[in-house]
């Protein structure tokens, strides 16, 4: 008896293989855990083969599963290539654009700019994803990436639209206790965790205050802003995030890292899409107009 394999089943196998667990695969697919379990169980019974080894650390492909996953990856790549070509030739100023951006830009910069874009292009729908990892545009994780980075991916196309300034800040309540106009090293600093330690503001803080020991470390500028606002200590923050926040005072002058910019990027195959072209141009221009705010001038 022949067995028919459909692409929807293969999507589940690929998600489990990539994510390593049913829960993570369910999140990536936008379904619940039990749906992934039932799909995998039914597929294995249909094929009469075990596709994954269930280990304490997660799900690992068996030899049979590797063969199937390799085939699924090839099918996915071909399907995505066709989809990119079709989307890339779309001349309509309507439809959906999936935009991937980081937490700071997504929370503090883009919302009012997206409002302006929406007023010009009311038939274009925006799906905004806040994720500090660079989206894989070849897999259609997103159509456009808006990122603050020093190293934009070479396979994407777009332009640099701004430079972010960083400065030291603290809440007035903390400064009332600790004093003002003191050497930076005398303050209690909110630190960066390992994931953020290579960023420009973390390097700047180490240069200004070598040998600092941090009681509190963060993996999020948004969380660091809230902690500074609560008087927990001084923090190095993007100027456009901290300026205007009630009670937050600037310590010193902004630092600009010329290598760390804001980029608006897309996949080369999507450049011919009218809505993608309109979005990247409009949002890029709007961010450029905010450069003084980004730099902290």
C-alpha atoms as a PDB file:
ATOM      1  CA  UNK A   1       0.000   0.000   0.000  1.00  0.00           C
ATOM      2  CA  UNK A   2       1.434   3.368  -0.999  1.00  0.00           C
ATOM      3  CA  UNK A   3       1.817   6.189   1.497  1.00  0.00           C
ATOM      4  CA  UNK A   4       1.035   9.783   0.557  1.00  0.00           C
ATOM      5  CA  UNK A   5       3.218  12.430   2.207  1.00  0.00           C
ATOM      6  CA  UNK A   6       1.913  15.980   2.232  1.00  0.00           C
ATOM      7  CA  UNK A   7       3.818  19.178   2.832  1.00  0.00           C
ATOM      8  CA  UNK A   8       1.853  20.076   5.936  1.00  0.00           C
ATOM      9  CA  UNK A   9       3.151  16.939   7.687  1.00  0.00           C
ATOM     10  CA  UNK A  10       6.702  17.786   6.634  1.00  0.00           C
ATOM     11  CA  UNK A  11       6.384  21.291   8.086  1.00  0.00           C
ATOM     12  CA  UNK A  12       5.783  19.745  11.499  1.00  0.00           C
ATOM     13  CA  UNK A  13       8.785  17.419  11.149  1.00  0.00           C
ATOM     14  CA  UNK A  14      11.026  20.333  10.173  1.00  0.00           C
ATOM     15  CA  UNK A  15       9.805  22.454  13.080  1.00  0.00           C
ATOM     16  CA  UNK A  16      10.509  19.699  15.624  1.00  0.00           C
ATOM     17  CA  UNK A  17      13.937  19.072  14.096  1.00  0.00           C
ATOM     18  CA  UNK A  18      14.826  22.765  14.190  1.00  0.00           C
ATOM     19  CA  UNK A  19      13.432  23.588  17.613  1.00  0.00           C
ATOM     20  CA  UNK A  20      14.349  20.357  19.400  1.00  0.00           C
ATOM     21  CA  UNK A  21      11.108  19.959  21.345  1.00  0.00           C
ATOM     22  CA  UNK A  22       7.368  19.698  20.791  1.00  0.00           C
ATOM     23  CA  UNK A  23       6.672  22.843  22.802  1.00  0.00           C
ATOM     24  CA  UNK A  24       9.126  24.994  20.886  1.00  0.00           C
ATOM     25  CA  UNK A  25       7.911  23.549  17.580  1.00  0.00           C
ATOM     26  CA  UNK A  26       4.307  24.340  18.528  1.00  0.00           C
ATOM     27  CA  UNK A  27       5.279  27.947  19.266  1.00  0.00           C
ATOM     28  CA  UNK A  28       7.112  28.278  15.942  1.00  0.00           C
ATOM     29  CA  UNK A  29       4.115  26.848  14.058  1.00  0.00           C
ATOM     30  CA  UNK A  30       1.527  28.843  15.988  1.00  0.00           C
ATOM     31  CA  UNK A  31      -0.339  25.764  17.224  1.00  0.00           C
ATOM     32  CA  UNK A  32      -0.700  24.016  20.568  1.00  0.00           C
ATOM     33  CA  UNK A  33       1.558  21.294  21.979  1.00  0.00           C
ATOM     34  CA  UNK A  34      -1.002  18.514  21.596  1.00  0.00           C
ATOM     35  CA  UNK A  35      -1.475  19.266  17.896  1.00  0.00           C
ATOM     36  CA  UNK A  36       2.242  18.739  17.264  1.00  0.00           C
ATOM     37  CA  UNK A  37       2.241  15.527  19.285  1.00  0.00           C
ATOM     38  CA  UNK A  38      -0.788  14.114  17.429  1.00  0.00           C
ATOM     39  CA  UNK A  39       0.625  15.063  14.026  1.00  0.00           C
ATOM     40  CA  UNK A  40       4.004  13.433  14.754  1.00  0.00           C
ATOM     41  CA  UNK A  41       2.445  10.319  16.284  1.00  0.00           C
ATOM     42  CA  UNK A  42       0.059   9.859  13.376  1.00  0.00           C
ATOM     43  CA  UNK A  43       2.761  10.455  10.783  1.00  0.00           C
ATOM     44  CA  UNK A  44       5.121   7.929  12.376  1.00  0.00           C
ATOM     45  CA  UNK A  45       2.342   5.328  12.486  1.00  0.00           C
ATOM     46  CA  UNK A  46       1.469   5.986   8.844  1.00  0.00           C
ATOM     47  CA  UNK A  47       5.094   5.610   7.753  1.00  0.00           C
ATOM     48  CA  UNK A  48       5.791   2.706  10.101  1.00  0.00           C
ATOM     49  CA  UNK A  49       9.043   4.384  11.127  1.00  0.00           C
ATOM     50  CA  UNK A  50      10.308   6.266  14.140  1.00  0.00           C
ATOM     51  CA  UNK A  51      11.465   9.737  13.089  1.00  0.00           C
ATOM     52  CA  UNK A  52      12.785  11.051  16.415  1.00  0.00           C
ATOM     53  CA  UNK A  53      14.618   9.706  19.435  1.00  0.00           C
ATOM     54  CA  UNK A  54      12.945  11.031  22.583  1.00  0.00           C
ATOM     55  CA  UNK A  55      15.788  12.142  24.869  1.00  0.00           C
ATOM     56  CA  UNK A  56      15.859  14.084  28.106  1.00  0.00           C
ATOM     57  CA  UNK A  57      17.471  17.006  26.275  1.00  0.00           C
ATOM     58  CA  UNK A  58      14.848  17.003  23.530  1.00  0.00           C
ATOM     59  CA  UNK A  59      13.908  15.350  20.248  1.00  0.00           C
ATOM     60  CA  UNK A  60      16.711  14.127  17.977  1.00  0.00           C
ATOM     61  CA  UNK A  61      16.208  12.882  14.411  1.00  0.00           C
ATOM     62  CA  UNK A  62      16.718   9.171  13.723  1.00  0.00           C
ATOM     63  CA  UNK A  63      18.415   8.018  10.508  1.00  0.00           C
ATOM     64  CA  UNK A  64      15.001   7.716   8.838  1.00  0.00           C
ATOM     65  CA  UNK A  65      14.048  11.115  10.188  1.00  0.00           C
ATOM     66  CA  UNK A  66      17.211  12.699   8.750  1.00  0.00           C
ATOM     67  CA  UNK A  67      16.352  11.422   5.279  1.00  0.00           C
ATOM     68  CA  UNK A  68      12.830  12.821   5.517  1.00  0.00           C
ATOM     69  CA  UNK A  69      14.021  16.138   7.008  1.00  0.00           C
ATOM     70  CA  UNK A  70      16.583  16.615   4.206  1.00  0.00           C
ATOM     71  CA  UNK A  71      13.858  16.107   1.637  1.00  0.00           C
ATOM     72  CA  UNK A  72      11.587  18.522   3.492  1.00  0.00           C
ATOM     73  CA  UNK A  73      14.312  21.187   3.554  1.00  0.00           C
ATOM     74  CA  UNK A  74      14.757  20.943  -0.215  1.00  0.00           C
ATOM     75  CA  UNK A  75      11.011  21.199  -0.793  1.00  0.00           C
ATOM     76  CA  UNK A  76      10.797  24.157   1.575  1.00  0.00           C
ATOM     77  CA  UNK A  77      13.680  25.961  -0.136  1.00  0.00           C
ATOM     78  CA  UNK A  78      12.105  25.503  -3.571  1.00  0.00           C
ATOM     79  CA  UNK A  79       8.681  26.610  -2.363  1.00  0.00           C
ATOM     80  CA  UNK A  80      10.107  29.689  -0.659  1.00  0.00           C
ATOM     81  CA  UNK A  81      12.126  30.603  -3.739  1.00  0.00           C
ATOM     82  CA  UNK A  82       8.968  30.531  -5.855  1.00  0.00           C
ATOM     83  CA  UNK A  83       7.078  32.523  -3.215  1.00  0.00           C
ATOM     84  CA  UNK A  84       9.809  35.172  -3.101  1.00  0.00           C
ATOM     85  CA  UNK A  85       9.700  35.542  -6.868  1.00  0.00           C
ATOM     86  CA  UNK A  86       5.924  35.908  -6.882  1.00  0.00           C
ATOM     87  CA  UNK A  87       5.884  38.395  -4.002  1.00  0.00           C
ATOM     88  CA  UNK A  88       8.792  40.288  -5.522  1.00  0.00           C
ATOM     89  CA  UNK A  89       6.807  41.055  -8.664  1.00  0.00           C
ATOM     90  CA  UNK A  90       3.669  42.166  -6.802  1.00  0.00           C
ATOM     91  CA  UNK A  91       2.815  45.664  -8.013  1.00  0.00           C
ATOM     92  CA  UNK A  92      -0.121  46.296  -5.684  1.00  0.00           C
ATOM     93  CA  UNK A  93       0.099  48.772  -2.818  1.00  0.00           C
ATOM     94  CA  UNK A  94      -1.882  46.445  -0.585  1.00  0.00           C
ATOM     95  CA  UNK A  95      -1.374  43.241   1.330  1.00  0.00           C
ATOM     96  CA  UNK A  96       0.689  42.236   4.358  1.00  0.00           C
ATOM     97  CA  UNK A  97       4.292  43.089   5.250  1.00  0.00           C
ATOM     98  CA  UNK A  98       5.996  41.149   8.025  1.00  0.00           C
ATOM     99  CA  UNK A  99       8.497  43.389   9.786  1.00  0.00           C
ATOM    100  CA  UNK A 100      11.114  42.101  12.215  1.00  0.00           C
ATOM    101  CA  UNK A 101      12.797  44.527  14.598  1.00  0.00           C
ATOM    102  CA  UNK A 102      14.484  44.634  17.971  1.00  0.00           C
ATOM    103  CA  UNK A 103      12.838  45.428  21.269  1.00  0.00           C
ATOM    104  CA  UNK A 104      14.165  48.983  21.603  1.00  0.00           C
ATOM    105  CA  UNK A 105      13.241  50.110  18.091  1.00  0.00           C
ATOM    106  CA  UNK A 106       9.904  48.330  18.225  1.00  0.00           C
ATOM    107  CA  UNK A 107       8.882  49.874  21.534  1.00  0.00           C
ATOM    108  CA  UNK A 108      10.349  53.374  21.412  1.00  0.00           C
ATOM    109  CA  UNK A 109      10.950  54.409  17.789  1.00  0.00           C
ATOM    110  CA  UNK A 110       8.695  52.696  15.261  1.00  0.00           C
ATOM    111  CA  UNK A 111       5.112  53.079  16.608  1.00  0.00           C
ATOM    112  CA  UNK A 112       4.602  56.757  15.648  1.00  0.00           C
ATOM    113  CA  UNK A 113       6.438  56.202  12.347  1.00  0.00           C
ATOM    114  CA  UNK A 114       4.168  53.276  11.503  1.00  0.00           C
ATOM    115  CA  UNK A 115       1.185  55.512  12.205  1.00  0.00           C
ATOM    116  CA  UNK A 116       2.439  57.917   9.545  1.00  0.00           C
ATOM    117  CA  UNK A 117       3.005  55.089   7.068  1.00  0.00           C
ATOM    118  CA  UNK A 118      -0.482  53.695   7.687  1.00  0.00           C
ATOM    119  CA  UNK A 119      -2.082  57.053   6.900  1.00  0.00           C
ATOM    120  CA  UNK A 120      -0.408  57.031   3.460  1.00  0.00           C
ATOM    121  CA  UNK A 121      -0.960  53.336   2.684  1.00  0.00           C
ATOM    122  CA  UNK A 122      -4.174  52.274   4.440  1.00  0.00           C
ATOM    123  CA  UNK A 123      -4.452  48.995   2.486  1.00  0.00           C
ATOM    124  CA  UNK A 124      -1.042  47.718   3.584  1.00  0.00           C
ATOM    125  CA  UNK A 125      -1.165  45.625   6.758  1.00  0.00           C
ATOM    126  CA  UNK A 126       1.877  45.428   9.032  1.00  0.00           C
ATOM    127  CA  UNK A 127       2.750  42.419  11.208  1.00  0.00           C
ATOM    128  CA  UNK A 128       5.437  43.568  13.636  1.00  0.00           C
ATOM    129  CA  UNK A 129       7.634  40.995  15.372  1.00  0.00           C
ATOM    130  CA  UNK A 130       9.917  42.075  18.229  1.00  0.00           C
ATOM    131  CA  UNK A 131      12.857  39.722  18.404  1.00  0.00           C
ATOM    132  CA  UNK A 132      16.475  40.555  19.145  1.00  0.00           C
ATOM    133  CA  UNK A 133      17.650  37.825  16.760  1.00  0.00           C
ATOM    134  CA  UNK A 134      18.060  38.628  13.073  1.00  0.00           C
ATOM    135  CA  UNK A 135      15.151  37.131  11.120  1.00  0.00           C
ATOM    136  CA  UNK A 136      15.854  34.697   8.284  1.00  0.00           C
ATOM    137  CA  UNK A 137      14.324  36.450   5.275  1.00  0.00           C
ATOM    138  CA  UNK A 138      15.171  33.578   2.940  1.00  0.00           C
ATOM    139  CA  UNK A 139      12.767  31.430   4.978  1.00  0.00           C
ATOM    140  CA  UNK A 140      10.144  34.220   4.961  1.00  0.00           C
ATOM    141  CA  UNK A 141      10.407  34.740   8.706  1.00  0.00           C
ATOM    142  CA  UNK A 142       9.945  38.379   7.732  1.00  0.00           C
ATOM    143  CA  UNK A 143       9.794  40.582   4.643  1.00  0.00           C
ATOM    144  CA  UNK A 144      11.635  43.572   6.096  1.00  0.00           C
ATOM    145  CA  UNK A 145      14.154  43.917   8.894  1.00  0.00           C
ATOM    146  CA  UNK A 146      14.647  47.161  10.846  1.00  0.00           C
ATOM    147  CA  UNK A 147      17.739  46.670  12.992  1.00  0.00           C
ATOM    148  CA  UNK A 148      20.311  48.504  15.057  1.00  0.00           C
ATOM    149  CA  UNK A 149      23.532  46.702  14.203  1.00  0.00           C
ATOM    150  CA  UNK A 150      27.170  47.169  13.306  1.00  0.00           C
ATOM    151  CA  UNK A 151      27.144  44.185  10.928  1.00  0.00           C
ATOM    152  CA  UNK A 152      24.106  43.966   8.638  1.00  0.00           C
ATOM    153  CA  UNK A 153      23.887  40.632   6.777  1.00  0.00           C
ATOM    154  CA  UNK A 154      25.609  40.836   3.405  1.00  0.00           C
ATOM    155  CA  UNK A 155      22.872  38.872   1.630  1.00  0.00           C
ATOM    156  CA  UNK A 156      20.246  41.534   2.397  1.00  0.00           C
ATOM    157  CA  UNK A 157      19.778  44.849   0.615  1.00  0.00           C
ATOM    158  CA  UNK A 158      18.785  48.217   2.000  1.00  0.00           C
ATOM    159  CA  UNK A 159      20.299  51.286   3.565  1.00  0.00           C
ATOM    160  CA  UNK A 160      21.599  52.753   6.764  1.00  0.00           C
ATOM    161  CA  UNK A 161      19.147  55.367   8.030  1.00  0.00           C
ATOM    162  CA  UNK A 162      20.579  56.551  11.333  1.00  0.00           C
ATOM    163  CA  UNK A 163      23.172  56.384  14.092  1.00  0.00           C
ATOM    164  CA  UNK A 164      22.165  55.810  17.711  1.00  0.00           C
ATOM    165  CA  UNK A 165      23.697  57.853  20.503  1.00  0.00           C
ATOM    166  CA  UNK A 166      24.178  56.404  23.986  1.00  0.00           C
ATOM    167  CA  UNK A 167      24.572  58.238  27.254  1.00  0.00           C
ATOM    168  CA  UNK A 168      24.652  57.618  30.987  1.00  0.00           C
ATOM    169  CA  UNK A 169      21.417  58.269  32.850  1.00  0.00           C
ATOM    170  CA  UNK A 170      20.055  58.012  36.370  1.00  0.00           C
ATOM    171  CA  UNK A 171      16.812  58.918  38.109  1.00  0.00           C
ATOM    172  CA  UNK A 172      16.699  62.107  40.140  1.00  0.00           C
ATOM    173  CA  UNK A 173      15.823  60.141  43.290  1.00  0.00           C
ATOM    174  CA  UNK A 174      18.999  58.081  42.965  1.00  0.00           C
ATOM    175  CA  UNK A 175      21.101  61.182  42.269  1.00  0.00           C
ATOM    176  CA  UNK A 176      19.597  62.924  45.309  1.00  0.00           C
ATOM    177  CA  UNK A 177      21.121  60.130  47.388  1.00  0.00           C
ATOM    178  CA  UNK A 178      24.337  59.518  45.464  1.00  0.00           C
ATOM    179  CA  UNK A 179      25.115  63.114  44.507  1.00  0.00           C
ATOM    180  CA  UNK A 180      25.523  64.892  41.205  1.00  0.00           C
ATOM    181  CA  UNK A 181      28.584  65.937  39.191  1.00  0.00           C
ATOM    182  CA  UNK A 182      30.619  63.073  40.575  1.00  0.00           C
ATOM    183  CA  UNK A 183      33.040  60.764  38.690  1.00  0.00           C
ATOM    184  CA  UNK A 184      31.085  58.138  36.778  1.00  0.00           C
ATOM    185  CA  UNK A 185      32.918  55.312  38.562  1.00  0.00           C
ATOM    186  CA  UNK A 186      31.454  56.448  41.886  1.00  0.00           C
ATOM    187  CA  UNK A 187      27.900  55.489  40.900  1.00  0.00           C
ATOM    188  CA  UNK A 188      26.210  52.099  41.155  1.00  0.00           C
ATOM    189  CA  UNK A 189      25.800  50.889  37.582  1.00  0.00           C
ATOM    190  CA  UNK A 190      23.248  48.578  36.074  1.00  0.00           C
ATOM    191  CA  UNK A 191      25.215  46.050  34.043  1.00  0.00           C
ATOM    192  CA  UNK A 192      24.786  44.153  30.795  1.00  0.00           C
ATOM    193  CA  UNK A 193      24.514  40.397  30.671  1.00  0.00           C
ATOM    194  CA  UNK A 194      26.775  38.319  28.418  1.00  0.00           C
ATOM    195  CA  UNK A 195      24.422  38.585  25.452  1.00  0.00           C
ATOM    196  CA  UNK A 196      24.721  42.400  25.423  1.00  0.00           C
ATOM    197  CA  UNK A 197      28.311  42.699  26.620  1.00  0.00           C
ATOM    198  CA  UNK A 198      29.713  43.146  23.094  1.00  0.00           C
ATOM    199  CA  UNK A 199      27.435  46.082  22.250  1.00  0.00           C
ATOM    200  CA  UNK A 200      28.747  49.637  21.989  1.00  0.00           C
ATOM    201  CA  UNK A 201      27.209  50.943  25.264  1.00  0.00           C
ATOM    202  CA  UNK A 202      28.622  48.018  27.259  1.00  0.00           C
ATOM    203  CA  UNK A 203      32.097  48.623  25.822  1.00  0.00           C
ATOM    204  CA  UNK A 204      31.790  52.356  26.528  1.00  0.00           C
ATOM    205  CA  UNK A 205      30.897  51.723  30.159  1.00  0.00           C
ATOM    206  CA  UNK A 206      33.920  49.461  30.603  1.00  0.00           C
ATOM    207  CA  UNK A 207      36.152  52.141  29.116  1.00  0.00           C
ATOM    208  CA  UNK A 208      34.757  54.805  31.435  1.00  0.00           C
ATOM    209  CA  UNK A 209      34.620  52.666  34.555  1.00  0.00           C
ATOM    210  CA  UNK A 210      37.081  49.750  34.293  1.00  0.00           C
ATOM    211  CA  UNK A 211      36.775  46.992  36.861  1.00  0.00           C
ATOM    212  CA  UNK A 212      33.140  47.638  37.727  1.00  0.00           C
ATOM    213  CA  UNK A 213      31.278  44.979  39.702  1.00  0.00           C
ATOM    214  CA  UNK A 214      27.538  44.860  39.009  1.00  0.00           C
ATOM    215  CA  UNK A 215      24.902  43.757  41.475  1.00  0.00           C
ATOM    216  CA  UNK A 216      22.272  43.810  38.722  1.00  0.00           C
ATOM    217  CA  UNK A 217      22.675  42.758  35.088  1.00  0.00           C
ATOM    218  CA  UNK A 218      20.089  42.920  32.311  1.00  0.00           C
ATOM    219  CA  UNK A 219      19.519  41.441  28.855  1.00  0.00           C
ATOM    220  CA  UNK A 220      17.051  44.157  27.876  1.00  0.00           C
ATOM    221  CA  UNK A 221      17.362  47.947  27.468  1.00  0.00           C
ATOM    222  CA  UNK A 222      13.652  48.270  28.233  1.00  0.00           C
ATOM    223  CA  UNK A 223      14.135  46.479  31.559  1.00  0.00           C
ATOM    224  CA  UNK A 224      17.226  48.567  32.270  1.00  0.00           C
ATOM    225  CA  UNK A 225      15.250  51.768  31.652  1.00  0.00           C
ATOM    226  CA  UNK A 226      12.565  50.667  34.110  1.00  0.00           C
ATOM    227  CA  UNK A 227      15.196  49.734  36.695  1.00  0.00           C
ATOM    228  CA  UNK A 228      16.919  53.094  36.325  1.00  0.00           C
ATOM    229  CA  UNK A 229      13.522  54.785  36.587  1.00  0.00           C
ATOM    230  CA  UNK A 230      12.966  52.964  39.878  1.00  0.00           C
ATOM    231  CA  UNK A 231      16.195  54.446  41.256  1.00  0.00           C
ATOM    232  CA  UNK A 232      18.139  51.182  41.206  1.00  0.00           C
ATOM    233  CA  UNK A 233      21.257  52.819  39.779  1.00  0.00           C
ATOM    234  CA  UNK A 234      22.794  54.528  36.763  1.00  0.00           C
ATOM    235  CA  UNK A 235      22.534  53.002  33.296  1.00  0.00           C
ATOM    236  CA  UNK A 236      23.873  53.459  29.781  1.00  0.00           C
ATOM    237  CA  UNK A 237      20.845  53.806  27.521  1.00  0.00           C
ATOM    238  CA  UNK A 238      20.024  54.820  23.953  1.00  0.00           C
ATOM    239  CA  UNK A 239      19.359  58.545  24.064  1.00  0.00           C
ATOM    240  CA  UNK A 240      16.043  58.355  22.212  1.00  0.00           C
ATOM    241  CA  UNK A 241      14.810  55.860  24.814  1.00  0.00           C
ATOM    242  CA  UNK A 242      15.784  57.790  27.951  1.00  0.00           C
ATOM    243  CA  UNK A 243      15.279  61.421  26.891  1.00  0.00           C
ATOM    244  CA  UNK A 244      11.953  62.779  28.003  1.00  0.00           C
ATOM    245  CA  UNK A 245      11.383  60.009  30.545  1.00  0.00           C
ATOM    246  CA  UNK A 246      10.050  61.664  33.701  1.00  0.00           C
ATOM    247  CA  UNK A 247      12.701  61.994  36.410  1.00  0.00           C
ATOM    248  CA  UNK A 248      15.570  60.628  34.316  1.00  0.00           C
ATOM    249  CA  UNK A 249      18.660  62.864  34.178  1.00  0.00           C
ATOM    250  CA  UNK A 250      21.566  62.693  31.760  1.00  0.00           C
ATOM    251  CA  UNK A 251      25.102  62.223  33.091  1.00  0.00           C
ATOM    252  CA  UNK A 252      27.699  63.671  30.728  1.00  0.00           C
ATOM    253  CA  UNK A 253      27.489  63.891  26.942  1.00  0.00           C
ATOM    254  CA  UNK A 254      26.230  61.339  24.404  1.00  0.00           C
ATOM    255  CA  UNK A 255      28.593  58.825  22.836  1.00  0.00           C
ATOM    256  CA  UNK A 256      28.150  58.010  19.153  1.00  0.00           C
ATOM    257  CA  UNK A 257      29.546  54.782  17.773  1.00  0.00           C
ATOM    258  CA  UNK A 258      29.903  55.456  14.020  1.00  0.00           C
ATOM    259  CA  UNK A 259      29.880  51.729  13.303  1.00  0.00           C
ATOM    260  CA  UNK A 260      26.551  51.095  15.028  1.00  0.00           C
ATOM    261  CA  UNK A 261      23.657  52.172  12.851  1.00  0.00           C
ATOM    262  CA  UNK A 262      19.985  51.639  12.152  1.00  0.00           C
ATOM    263  CA  UNK A 263      19.340  49.670   8.969  1.00  0.00           C
ATOM    264  CA  UNK A 264      16.210  48.998   6.907  1.00  0.00           C
ATOM    265  CA  UNK A 265      16.780  45.762   4.968  1.00  0.00           C
ATOM    266  CA  UNK A 266      14.939  43.293   2.781  1.00  0.00           C
ATOM    267  CA  UNK A 267      15.642  40.262   0.622  1.00  0.00           C
ATOM    268  CA  UNK A 268      16.891  41.053  -2.926  1.00  0.00           C
ATOM    269  CA  UNK A 269      13.970  39.120  -4.446  1.00  0.00           C
ATOM    270  CA  UNK A 270      11.483  41.396  -2.680  1.00  0.00           C
ATOM    271  CA  UNK A 271      12.791  44.716  -3.981  1.00  0.00           C
ATOM    272  CA  UNK A 272      10.335  44.740  -6.898  1.00  0.00           C
ATOM    273  CA  UNK A 273       7.305  44.428  -4.628  1.00  0.00           C
ATOM    274  CA  UNK A 274       5.490  47.766  -4.589  1.00  0.00           C
ATOM    275  CA  UNK A 275       4.457  47.527  -0.953  1.00  0.00           C
ATOM    276  CA  UNK A 276       7.931  46.459   0.210  1.00  0.00           C
ATOM    277  CA  UNK A 277       9.525  49.253  -1.798  1.00  0.00           C
ATOM    278  CA  UNK A 278       7.047  51.794  -0.391  1.00  0.00           C
ATOM    279  CA  UNK A 279       7.575  50.607   3.184  1.00  0.00           C
ATOM    280  CA  UNK A 280      11.381  50.546   3.120  1.00  0.00           C
ATOM    281  CA  UNK A 281      11.524  53.978   1.484  1.00  0.00           C
ATOM    282  CA  UNK A 282       8.908  55.622   3.725  1.00  0.00           C
ATOM    283  CA  UNK A 283      10.055  54.168   7.055  1.00  0.00           C
ATOM    284  CA  UNK A 284      13.700  54.740   6.133  1.00  0.00           C
ATOM    285  CA  UNK A 285      12.994  58.412   5.408  1.00  0.00           C
ATOM    286  CA  UNK A 286      11.046  58.789   8.637  1.00  0.00           C
ATOM    287  CA  UNK A 287      13.899  57.307  10.691  1.00  0.00           C
ATOM    288  CA  UNK A 288      16.369  59.617   8.927  1.00  0.00           C
ATOM    289  CA  UNK A 289      14.227  62.559   9.989  1.00  0.00           C
ATOM    290  CA  UNK A 290      14.585  61.399  13.603  1.00  0.00           C
ATOM    291  CA  UNK A 291      18.407  61.433  13.555  1.00  0.00           C
ATOM    292  CA  UNK A 292      18.762  64.313  16.003  1.00  0.00           C
ATOM    293  CA  UNK A 293      16.551  62.423  18.457  1.00  0.00           C
ATOM    294  CA  UNK A 294      18.461  59.174  17.881  1.00  0.00           C
ATOM    295  CA  UNK A 295      21.792  60.893  18.518  1.00  0.00           C
ATOM    296  CA  UNK A 296      20.568  62.647  21.653  1.00  0.00           C
ATOM    297  CA  UNK A 297      21.218  66.124  20.315  1.00  0.00           C
END
